[in-house]
């Protein structure tokens, strides 16, 4: 599952629209985020790590990195 599919899955699972997600991102960062903007970044795989962390935070998840065992 790629990043775009994972975000879409989590949006559906948490009953949040892409519009609402963009609105919340814009509020948190004081920067305009649109559906076109976020979709383009996900399609091109050019979304920043900080934006991914924020997306997950808004959806109620945390991104955890662990060393492989």
PDB file of N, CA and C in Angstrom:
ATOM      1  N   UNK A   1       0.855  -1.174   0.000  1.00  0.00           N
ATOM      2  CA  UNK A   1       0.000   0.000   0.000  1.00  0.00           C
ATOM      3  C   UNK A   1       0.904   1.242   0.000  1.00  0.00           C
ATOM      4  N   UNK A   2       0.690   2.124  -0.956  1.00  0.00           N
ATOM      5  CA  UNK A   2       1.498   3.345  -0.997  1.00  0.00           C
ATOM      6  C   UNK A   2       0.903   4.412  -0.069  1.00  0.00           C
ATOM      7  N   UNK A   3       1.598   5.526   0.040  1.00  0.00           N
ATOM      8  CA  UNK A   3       1.179   6.591   0.957  1.00  0.00           C
ATOM      9  C   UNK A   3      -0.210   7.120   0.625  1.00  0.00           C
ATOM     10  N   UNK A   4      -0.475   7.341  -0.656  1.00  0.00           N
ATOM     11  CA  UNK A   4      -1.780   7.872  -1.071  1.00  0.00           C
ATOM     12  C   UNK A   4      -2.906   6.922  -0.670  1.00  0.00           C
ATOM     13  N   UNK A   5      -2.729   5.647  -0.942  1.00  0.00           N
ATOM     14  CA  UNK A   5      -3.753   4.656  -0.597  1.00  0.00           C
ATOM     15  C   UNK A   5      -3.948   4.578   0.909  1.00  0.00           C
ATOM     16  N   UNK A   6      -2.845   4.663   1.644  1.00  0.00           N
ATOM     17  CA  UNK A   6      -2.928   4.592   3.102  1.00  0.00           C
ATOM     18  C   UNK A   6      -3.694   5.787   3.666  1.00  0.00           C
ATOM     19  N   UNK A   7      -3.411   6.990   3.160  1.00  0.00           N
ATOM     20  CA  UNK A   7      -4.116   8.193   3.617  1.00  0.00           C
ATOM     21  C   UNK A   7      -5.600   8.090   3.283  1.00  0.00           C
ATOM     22  N   UNK A   8      -5.920   7.680   2.055  1.00  0.00           N
ATOM     23  CA  UNK A   8      -7.327   7.526   1.660  1.00  0.00           C
ATOM     24  C   UNK A   8      -8.043   6.525   2.560  1.00  0.00           C
ATOM     25  N   UNK A   9      -7.385   5.417   2.848  1.00  0.00           N
ATOM     26  CA  UNK A   9      -7.962   4.392   3.721  1.00  0.00           C
ATOM     27  C   UNK A   9      -8.246   4.967   5.113  1.00  0.00           C
ATOM     28  N   UNK A  10      -7.287   5.704   5.654  1.00  0.00           N
ATOM     29  CA  UNK A  10      -7.468   6.286   6.981  1.00  0.00           C
ATOM     30  C   UNK A  10      -8.550   7.358   6.998  1.00  0.00           C
ATOM     31  N   UNK A  11      -8.673   8.121   5.904  1.00  0.00           N
ATOM     32  CA  UNK A  11      -9.740   9.120   5.814  1.00  0.00           C
ATOM     33  C   UNK A  11     -11.107   8.442   5.883  1.00  0.00           C
ATOM     34  N   UNK A  12     -11.278   7.383   5.116  1.00  0.00           N
ATOM     35  CA  UNK A  12     -12.551   6.651   5.111  1.00  0.00           C
ATOM     36  C   UNK A  12     -12.807   6.043   6.482  1.00  0.00           C
ATOM     37  N   UNK A  13     -11.784   5.417   7.038  1.00  0.00           N
ATOM     38  CA  UNK A  13     -11.904   4.748   8.334  1.00  0.00           C
ATOM     39  C   UNK A  13     -12.291   5.729   9.441  1.00  0.00           C
ATOM     40  N   UNK A  14     -11.786   6.962   9.348  1.00  0.00           N
ATOM     41  CA  UNK A  14     -12.051   7.966  10.378  1.00  0.00           C
ATOM     42  C   UNK A  14     -13.155   8.942   9.992  1.00  0.00           C
ATOM     43  N   UNK A  15     -13.824   8.666   8.872  1.00  0.00           N
ATOM     44  CA  UNK A  15     -14.944   9.472   8.395  1.00  0.00           C
ATOM     45  C   UNK A  15     -14.596  10.957   8.294  1.00  0.00           C
ATOM     46  N   UNK A  16     -13.436  11.229   7.696  1.00  0.00           N
ATOM     47  CA  UNK A  16     -12.993  12.595   7.458  1.00  0.00           C
ATOM     48  C   UNK A  16     -12.798  12.765   5.956  1.00  0.00           C
ATOM     49  N   UNK A  17     -13.315  13.854   5.423  1.00  0.00           N
ATOM     50  CA  UNK A  17     -13.155  14.101   3.992  1.00  0.00           C
ATOM     51  C   UNK A  17     -11.795  14.749   3.731  1.00  0.00           C
ATOM     52  N   UNK A  18     -11.371  14.685   2.496  1.00  0.00           N
ATOM     53  CA  UNK A  18     -10.125  15.337   2.099  1.00  0.00           C
ATOM     54  C   UNK A  18     -10.253  16.843   2.296  1.00  0.00           C
ATOM     55  N   UNK A  19     -11.446  17.374   2.066  1.00  0.00           N
ATOM     56  CA  UNK A  19     -11.697  18.801   2.276  1.00  0.00           C
ATOM     57  C   UNK A  19     -11.465  19.180   3.733  1.00  0.00           C
ATOM     58  N   UNK A  20     -11.985  18.376   4.642  1.00  0.00           N
ATOM     59  CA  UNK A  20     -11.814  18.630   6.075  1.00  0.00           C
ATOM     60  C   UNK A  20     -10.350  18.498   6.474  1.00  0.00           C
ATOM     61  N   UNK A  21      -9.682  17.514   5.935  1.00  0.00           N
ATOM     62  CA  UNK A  21      -8.260  17.322   6.220  1.00  0.00           C
ATOM     63  C   UNK A  21      -7.460  18.554   5.789  1.00  0.00           C
ATOM     64  N   UNK A  22      -7.723  19.046   4.587  1.00  0.00           N
ATOM     65  CA  UNK A  22      -7.030  20.237   4.076  1.00  0.00           C
ATOM     66  C   UNK A  22      -7.324  21.457   4.939  1.00  0.00           C
ATOM     67  N   UNK A  23      -8.570  21.584   5.376  1.00  0.00           N
ATOM     68  CA  UNK A  23      -8.963  22.702   6.239  1.00  0.00           C
ATOM     69  C   UNK A  23      -8.176  22.660   7.551  1.00  0.00           C
ATOM     70  N   UNK A  24      -8.092  21.492   8.139  1.00  0.00           N
ATOM     71  CA  UNK A  24      -7.366  21.353   9.414  1.00  0.00           C
ATOM     72  C   UNK A  24      -5.866  21.601   9.239  1.00  0.00           C
ATOM     73  N   UNK A  25      -5.300  21.127   8.125  1.00  0.00           N
ATOM     74  CA  UNK A  25      -3.881  21.380   7.863  1.00  0.00           C
ATOM     75  C   UNK A  25      -3.635  22.875   7.711  1.00  0.00           C
ATOM     76  N   UNK A  26      -4.519  23.545   6.979  1.00  0.00           N
ATOM     77  CA  UNK A  26      -4.384  24.986   6.760  1.00  0.00           C
ATOM     78  C   UNK A  26      -4.443  25.749   8.081  1.00  0.00           C
ATOM     79  N   UNK A  27      -5.350  25.343   8.957  1.00  0.00           N
ATOM     80  CA  UNK A  27      -5.484  26.001  10.257  1.00  0.00           C
ATOM     81  C   UNK A  27      -4.237  25.814  11.104  1.00  0.00           C
ATOM     82  N   UNK A  28      -3.699  24.610  11.084  1.00  0.00           N
ATOM     83  CA  UNK A  28      -2.537  24.314  11.929  1.00  0.00           C
ATOM     84  C   UNK A  28      -1.273  25.003  11.446  1.00  0.00           C
ATOM     85  N   UNK A  29      -1.106  25.115  10.135  1.00  0.00           N
ATOM     86  CA  UNK A  29       0.144  25.644   9.591  1.00  0.00           C
ATOM     87  C   UNK A  29       0.040  27.083   9.078  1.00  0.00           C
ATOM     88  N   UNK A  30      -1.162  27.657   9.156  1.00  0.00           N
ATOM     89  CA  UNK A  30      -1.370  29.013   8.616  1.00  0.00           C
ATOM     90  C   UNK A  30      -0.896  29.110   7.174  1.00  0.00           C
ATOM     91  N   UNK A  31      -1.206  28.083   6.419  1.00  0.00           N
ATOM     92  CA  UNK A  31      -0.825  27.998   5.006  1.00  0.00           C
ATOM     93  C   UNK A  31      -1.980  27.315   4.294  1.00  0.00           C
ATOM     94  N   UNK A  32      -2.329  27.800   3.112  1.00  0.00           N
ATOM     95  CA  UNK A  32      -3.461  27.233   2.395  1.00  0.00           C
ATOM     96  C   UNK A  32      -3.130  25.859   1.811  1.00  0.00           C
ATOM     97  N   UNK A  33      -3.901  24.869   2.196  1.00  0.00           N
ATOM     98  CA  UNK A  33      -3.821  23.528   1.618  1.00  0.00           C
ATOM     99  C   UNK A  33      -5.149  23.244   0.928  1.00  0.00           C
ATOM    100  N   UNK A  34      -5.086  22.774  -0.300  1.00  0.00           N
ATOM    101  CA  UNK A  34      -6.288  22.427  -1.050  1.00  0.00           C
ATOM    102  C   UNK A  34      -6.251  20.950  -1.405  1.00  0.00           C
ATOM    103  N   UNK A  35      -7.393  20.436  -1.808  1.00  0.00           N
ATOM    104  CA  UNK A  35      -7.454  19.041  -2.242  1.00  0.00           C
ATOM    105  C   UNK A  35      -6.499  18.825  -3.410  1.00  0.00           C
ATOM    106  N   UNK A  36      -6.507  19.758  -4.346  1.00  0.00           N
ATOM    107  CA  UNK A  36      -5.630  19.654  -5.518  1.00  0.00           C
ATOM    108  C   UNK A  36      -4.162  19.626  -5.088  1.00  0.00           C
ATOM    109  N   UNK A  37      -3.805  20.477  -4.149  1.00  0.00           N
ATOM    110  CA  UNK A  37      -2.441  20.576  -3.648  1.00  0.00           C
ATOM    111  C   UNK A  37      -1.982  19.264  -3.005  1.00  0.00           C
ATOM    112  N   UNK A  38      -2.773  18.753  -2.071  1.00  0.00           N
ATOM    113  CA  UNK A  38      -2.409  17.522  -1.362  1.00  0.00           C
ATOM    114  C   UNK A  38      -2.459  16.316  -2.295  1.00  0.00           C
ATOM    115  N   UNK A  39      -3.487  16.219  -3.117  1.00  0.00           N
ATOM    116  CA  UNK A  39      -3.587  15.099  -4.060  1.00  0.00           C
ATOM    117  C   UNK A  39      -2.399  15.069  -5.009  1.00  0.00           C
ATOM    118  N   UNK A  40      -2.001  16.236  -5.493  1.00  0.00           N
ATOM    119  CA  UNK A  40      -0.852  16.314  -6.387  1.00  0.00           C
ATOM    120  C   UNK A  40       0.421  15.834  -5.718  1.00  0.00           C
ATOM    121  N   UNK A  41       0.631  16.263  -4.475  1.00  0.00           N
ATOM    122  CA  UNK A  41       1.818  15.828  -3.739  1.00  0.00           C
ATOM    123  C   UNK A  41       1.804  14.317  -3.509  1.00  0.00           C
ATOM    124  N   UNK A  42       0.633  13.774  -3.194  1.00  0.00           N
ATOM    125  CA  UNK A  42       0.532  12.328  -2.983  1.00  0.00           C
ATOM    126  C   UNK A  42       0.732  11.564  -4.296  1.00  0.00           C
ATOM    127  N   UNK A  43       0.176  12.070  -5.387  1.00  0.00           N
ATOM    128  CA  UNK A  43       0.332  11.414  -6.692  1.00  0.00           C
ATOM    129  C   UNK A  43       1.781  11.428  -7.164  1.00  0.00           C
ATOM    130  N   UNK A  44       2.462  12.549  -6.947  1.00  0.00           N
ATOM    131  CA  UNK A  44       3.848  12.683  -7.385  1.00  0.00           C
ATOM    132  C   UNK A  44       4.835  12.122  -6.368  1.00  0.00           C
ATOM    133  N   UNK A  45       4.323  11.763  -5.190  1.00  0.00           N
ATOM    134  CA  UNK A  45       5.158  11.271  -4.091  1.00  0.00           C
ATOM    135  C   UNK A  45       6.196  12.323  -3.685  1.00  0.00           C
ATOM    136  N   UNK A  46       5.734  13.577  -3.601  1.00  0.00           N
ATOM    137  CA  UNK A  46       6.620  14.680  -3.222  1.00  0.00           C
ATOM    138  C   UNK A  46       6.190  15.346  -1.921  1.00  0.00           C
ATOM    139  N   UNK A  47       5.341  14.681  -1.173  1.00  0.00           N
ATOM    140  CA  UNK A  47       4.858  15.247   0.086  1.00  0.00           C
ATOM    141  C   UNK A  47       5.978  15.186   1.122  1.00  0.00           C
ATOM    142  N   UNK A  48       6.091  16.241   1.915  1.00  0.00           N
ATOM    143  CA  UNK A  48       7.143  16.334   2.923  1.00  0.00           C
ATOM    144  C   UNK A  48       6.832  15.420   4.110  1.00  0.00           C
ATOM    145  N   UNK A  49       7.893  14.986   4.764  1.00  0.00           N
ATOM    146  CA  UNK A  49       7.756  14.165   5.963  1.00  0.00           C
ATOM    147  C   UNK A  49       6.942  14.903   7.023  1.00  0.00           C
ATOM    148  N   UNK A  50       7.193  16.198   7.190  1.00  0.00           N
ATOM    149  CA  UNK A  50       6.458  16.991   8.190  1.00  0.00           C
ATOM    150  C   UNK A  50       4.964  17.042   7.865  1.00  0.00           C
ATOM    151  N   UNK A  51       4.617  17.068   6.583  1.00  0.00           N
ATOM    152  CA  UNK A  51       3.206  17.069   6.185  1.00  0.00           C
ATOM    153  C   UNK A  51       2.569  15.707   6.454  1.00  0.00           C
ATOM    154  N   UNK A  52       3.308  14.649   6.213  1.00  0.00           N
ATOM    155  CA  UNK A  52       2.804  13.298   6.512  1.00  0.00           C
ATOM    156  C   UNK A  52       2.554  13.165   8.008  1.00  0.00           C
ATOM    157  N   UNK A  53       3.508  13.633   8.823  1.00  0.00           N
ATOM    158  CA  UNK A  53       3.327  13.576  10.280  1.00  0.00           C
ATOM    159  C   UNK A  53       2.080  14.337  10.699  1.00  0.00           C
ATOM    160  N   UNK A  54       1.866  15.506  10.103  1.00  0.00           N
ATOM    161  CA  UNK A  54       0.693  16.307  10.426  1.00  0.00           C
ATOM    162  C   UNK A  54      -0.594  15.605   9.995  1.00  0.00           C
ATOM    163  N   UNK A  55      -0.599  15.013   8.815  1.00  0.00           N
ATOM    164  CA  UNK A  55      -1.769  14.257   8.336  1.00  0.00           C
ATOM    165  C   UNK A  55      -2.139  13.164   9.329  1.00  0.00           C
ATOM    166  N   UNK A  56      -1.142  12.391   9.733  1.00  0.00           N
ATOM    167  CA  UNK A  56      -1.403  11.309  10.686  1.00  0.00           C
ATOM    168  C   UNK A  56      -1.884  11.852  12.028  1.00  0.00           C
ATOM    169  N   UNK A  57      -1.300  12.954  12.477  1.00  0.00           N
ATOM    170  CA  UNK A  57      -1.714  13.552  13.744  1.00  0.00           C
ATOM    171  C   UNK A  57      -3.175  13.992  13.682  1.00  0.00           C
ATOM    172  N   UNK A  58      -3.555  14.640  12.602  1.00  0.00           N
ATOM    173  CA  UNK A  58      -4.942  15.078  12.428  1.00  0.00           C
ATOM    174  C   UNK A  58      -5.891  13.888  12.430  1.00  0.00           C
ATOM    175  N   UNK A  59      -5.448  12.780  11.856  1.00  0.00           N
ATOM    176  CA  UNK A  59      -6.284  11.578  11.801  1.00  0.00           C
ATOM    177  C   UNK A  59      -6.237  10.762  13.090  1.00  0.00           C
ATOM    178  N   UNK A  60      -5.416  11.212  14.057  1.00  0.00           N
ATOM    179  CA  UNK A  60      -5.363  10.540  15.356  1.00  0.00           C
ATOM    180  C   UNK A  60      -4.326   9.435  15.443  1.00  0.00           C
ATOM    181  N   UNK A  61      -3.307   9.504  14.598  1.00  0.00           N
ATOM    182  CA  UNK A  61      -2.249   8.499  14.601  1.00  0.00           C
ATOM    183  C   UNK A  61      -0.911   9.175  14.831  1.00  0.00           C
ATOM    184  N   UNK A  62       0.065   8.390  15.256  1.00  0.00           N
ATOM    185  CA  UNK A  62       1.413   8.906  15.367  1.00  0.00           C
ATOM    186  C   UNK A  62       2.333   8.051  14.501  1.00  0.00           C
ATOM    187  N   UNK A  63       3.316   8.686  13.951  1.00  0.00           N
ATOM    188  CA  UNK A  63       4.267   8.000  13.095  1.00  0.00           C
ATOM    189  C   UNK A  63       5.454   7.603  13.976  1.00  0.00           C
ATOM    190  N   UNK A  64       5.727   6.315  14.056  1.00  0.00           N
ATOM    191  CA  UNK A  64       6.783   5.805  14.921  1.00  0.00           C
ATOM    192  C   UNK A  64       7.802   5.070  14.062  1.00  0.00           C
ATOM    193  N   UNK A  65       9.067   5.440  14.251  1.00  0.00           N
ATOM    194  CA  UNK A  65      10.151   4.748  13.570  1.00  0.00           C
ATOM    195  C   UNK A  65      10.866   3.877  14.581  1.00  0.00           C
ATOM    196  N   UNK A  66      11.068   2.619  14.214  1.00  0.00           N
ATOM    197  CA  UNK A  66      11.746   1.673  15.085  1.00  0.00           C
ATOM    198  C   UNK A  66      12.861   0.999  14.308  1.00  0.00           C
ATOM    199  N   UNK A  67      13.947   0.735  14.976  1.00  0.00           N
ATOM    200  CA  UNK A  67      15.042  -0.002  14.365  1.00  0.00           C
ATOM    201  C   UNK A  67      14.607  -1.454  14.166  1.00  0.00           C
ATOM    202  N   UNK A  68      14.918  -1.992  13.001  1.00  0.00           N
ATOM    203  CA  UNK A  68      14.582  -3.383  12.728  1.00  0.00           C
ATOM    204  C   UNK A  68      15.369  -4.296  13.649  1.00  0.00           C
ATOM    205  N   UNK A  69      14.757  -5.395  13.979  1.00  0.00           N
ATOM    206  CA  UNK A  69      15.443  -6.360  14.856  1.00  0.00           C
ATOM    207  C   UNK A  69      15.893  -7.549  14.075  1.00  0.00           C
TER     208      UNK A  69
END
